[in-house]
Amino acid sequence: MSPGTATSWTCDGCAVSVSRIDGESAPLPAGWESSVEGRFCLACSRTRAAEAALDSAPRDSTRDERVKLRRVALIEFEVRRVPELPDSAIARACRSSAAAVAATRRRIGAPEPDALSPRRRAAQAVSR
């Protein structure tokens, strides 16, 4: 679903509203998603991903199993949302480890991010 532009965007999950100070129309804010269920800010999108994983958990799941399911769902969400980010950046956003992000990336078949920053790549090109 293509959201287009609007003078104000409101999250259907938490009702936070964003707009430009000059009142001009703007596209959907970065990090927001628009779907048939509505428009959601990044925080609500993360919550929805975690809740979907928990909803699919067996009824007799232990607390630790549910915590792990939630963590994996958040990592998957972030890897799918911004696959170009390094594992360490996704790990910080999910309060997890870079190793857990790398394992999730391999499990879902997401491409590995380029480990070199543009600045470092440019420096290597100059030194060759």
Protein backbone atom coordinates (compact mmCIF):
# COMPACT_ATOMS: atom_id res chain seq x y z
CA MET A 1 0.00 0.00 0.00
CA SER A 2 1.49 3.34 -1.02
CA PRO A 3 0.75 6.00 1.58
CA GLY A 4 1.56 9.06 -0.57
CA THR A 5 1.94 12.35 1.30
CA ALA A 6 -0.01 14.08 4.04
CA THR A 7 0.26 17.16 6.25
CA SER A 8 0.12 14.92 9.34
CA TRP A 9 0.70 11.23 10.07
CA THR A 10 -0.82 9.46 13.07
CA CYS A 11 0.19 6.01 14.29
CA ASP A 12 -2.78 3.65 14.53
CA GLY A 13 -1.07 1.84 17.40
CA CYS A 14 -0.09 4.54 19.87
CA ALA A 15 -1.69 7.64 18.30
CA VAL A 16 1.59 9.56 18.12
CA SER A 17 1.28 12.20 15.44
CA VAL A 18 4.04 13.75 13.32
CA SER A 19 3.97 16.65 10.90
CA ARG A 20 6.26 19.28 9.43
CA ILE A 21 6.53 22.52 11.36
CA ASP A 22 5.71 24.49 8.20
CA GLY A 23 2.50 22.48 7.64
CA GLU A 24 3.61 21.21 4.23
CA SER A 25 2.78 17.70 3.05
CA ALA A 26 5.43 15.05 3.60
CA PRO A 27 5.81 11.36 2.82
CA LEU A 28 5.34 8.70 5.49
CA PRO A 29 8.13 9.20 8.06
CA ALA A 30 11.22 7.00 7.86
CA GLY A 31 10.78 3.88 9.93
CA TRP A 32 6.98 3.95 9.71
CA GLU A 33 5.03 1.29 7.86
CA SER A 34 1.70 1.37 6.11
CA SER A 35 -0.35 -1.80 5.62
CA VAL A 36 -3.95 -2.91 5.38
CA GLU A 37 -4.01 -2.92 9.21
CA GLY A 38 -3.06 0.76 9.33
CA ARG A 39 -0.03 3.03 9.71
CA PHE A 40 2.45 2.34 12.49
CA CYS A 41 5.47 4.11 13.94
CA LEU A 42 8.70 2.16 14.40
CA ALA A 43 8.03 1.42 18.08
CA CYS A 44 4.57 0.01 17.32
CA SER A 45 5.90 -1.96 14.34
CA ARG A 46 8.47 -3.60 16.61
CA THR A 47 5.80 -4.35 19.20
CA ARG A 48 3.54 -5.87 16.54
CA ALA A 49 6.36 -8.13 15.30
CA ALA A 50 7.06 -9.34 18.84
CA GLU A 51 3.36 -9.88 19.60
CA ALA A 52 2.89 -11.90 16.41
CA ALA A 53 5.70 -14.22 17.48
CA LEU A 54 4.25 -14.58 20.96
CA ASP A 55 0.79 -15.27 19.54
CA SER A 56 2.23 -18.20 17.60
CA ALA A 57 3.93 -19.68 20.68
CA PRO A 58 2.53 -22.86 22.22
CA ARG A 59 0.30 -22.18 25.23
CA ASP A 60 2.60 -24.06 27.57
CA SER A 61 5.72 -22.04 26.63
CA THR A 62 7.91 -21.06 29.54
CA ARG A 63 8.76 -17.45 30.24
CA ASP A 64 12.30 -18.01 28.95
CA GLU A 65 10.99 -19.53 25.71
CA ARG A 66 8.68 -16.55 25.21
CA VAL A 67 11.52 -14.11 25.86
CA LYS A 68 13.64 -15.90 23.26
CA LEU A 69 10.79 -15.91 20.72
CA ARG A 70 10.27 -12.18 21.23
CA ARG A 71 13.99 -11.45 20.83
CA VAL A 72 14.26 -13.50 17.64
CA ALA A 73 11.17 -11.79 16.20
CA LEU A 74 12.64 -8.35 16.91
CA ILE A 75 15.94 -9.29 15.29
CA GLU A 76 14.14 -10.69 12.23
CA PHE A 77 12.05 -7.53 11.99
CA GLU A 78 15.12 -5.27 12.07
CA VAL A 79 17.13 -7.40 9.62
CA ARG A 80 14.24 -7.33 7.15
CA ARG A 81 13.65 -3.61 7.72
CA VAL A 82 17.25 -2.43 7.27
CA PRO A 83 19.36 -5.32 5.94
CA GLU A 84 22.22 -2.98 5.04
CA LEU A 85 22.93 -2.18 8.70
CA PRO A 86 25.84 -3.99 10.34
CA ASP A 87 24.98 -6.78 12.76
CA SER A 88 26.32 -4.70 15.67
CA ALA A 89 23.90 -1.82 14.95
CA ILE A 90 20.91 -4.17 14.74
CA ALA A 91 22.09 -5.89 17.93
CA ARG A 92 22.11 -2.55 19.78
CA ALA A 93 18.59 -1.73 18.56
CA CYS A 94 17.36 -5.15 19.74
CA ARG A 95 19.44 -5.30 22.93
CA SER A 96 21.04 -8.48 21.67
CA SER A 97 24.40 -9.69 20.38
CA ALA A 98 25.93 -9.33 16.94
CA ALA A 99 26.32 -13.13 16.88
CA ALA A 100 22.55 -13.56 17.38
CA VAL A 101 21.88 -11.11 14.54
CA ALA A 102 24.35 -12.92 12.25
CA ALA A 103 22.70 -16.28 13.05
CA THR A 104 19.24 -14.85 12.34
CA ARG A 105 20.49 -13.27 9.12
CA ARG A 106 21.81 -16.68 7.96
CA ARG A 107 18.62 -18.50 9.05
CA ILE A 108 16.30 -16.21 7.08
CA GLY A 109 18.66 -15.96 4.10
CA ALA A 110 19.27 -12.23 4.41
CA PRO A 111 22.42 -10.92 2.70
CA GLU A 112 25.43 -10.00 4.79
CA PRO A 113 25.96 -6.23 5.07
CA ASP A 114 29.12 -4.74 3.66
CA ALA A 115 31.41 -4.58 6.68
CA LEU A 116 33.25 -1.54 5.35
CA SER A 117 31.89 1.95 5.79
CA PRO A 118 31.93 4.25 2.72
CA ARG A 119 34.71 6.33 4.32
CA ARG A 120 36.87 3.28 4.98
CA ARG A 121 36.21 1.92 1.47
CA ALA A 122 37.31 5.26 -0.03
CA ALA A 123 40.47 5.26 2.09
CA GLN A 124 41.34 1.75 0.91
CA ALA A 125 40.79 2.75 -2.71
CA VAL A 126 43.16 5.70 -2.32
CA SER A 127 45.88 3.61 -0.67
CA ARG A 128 45.92 1.01 -3.50
